Amino acid sequence: MSRSVGVLLLAGVLLAGCKIGASARSVAESVRTSLNPPPPPPDTVPEMLDYAADLGVNVSEMAKLPEGLLWTDLSPGEGQPAVPGDSVEIEIDGWLRDGTRVDSSVVTVRIGTGAVIDGIDLALPGMKPGGRRQLVIPPGLGYGSQGREGIPPDAVLVYVVALRSVLR
């Protein structure tokens, strides 16, 4: 039954599009594109890439969040884990996948407020003080199609984040 509802819905969209002047072909192409978006370019899919050996990235052993962030704990840390809303002091080091360093700093941020790129913000909950986590960040959770100085557009990034302290 749900398939027939989908077919009827698609037919209605096509007819409505034809009535307002669009050709059936252009409406059908628009519907097809929205239902089946093109795949991302292969050089932006972290699992399909090679990484500089000294980065120690092994994507096959990393966990993956639904948003696409790959991560692994290098050391677990101790104590109460950080949660969204906590302020945390973190040390971050970031690289392009060829091993070029693009970031190194110590910052204090509130988790979930967008103070850092999305890939780092998503990785912080659950970390414990003293913990270190390696991240592979797809472009959409990093600097996207715009890039920034020293980071090309659509770059996949590798970060190591160390949680120095949770400030509650």
Foldseek 3Di string as FASTA:
>chain_A
DVVVVVVVVLVVQLVVCVVVPHHSVVSVVVVVCVVPPDDDPQQQQVVNDAAAVVLVDDQVPWDADPVGKTKDWPFQADDDADDQQWKFWKWKWKDFRHRHTDDTDIDIDGQPPCPAFQNVSVPRGNGYAQIKMKIWAGQVRHVAQVADVPGHHRTTMIMIMHTHDIDD
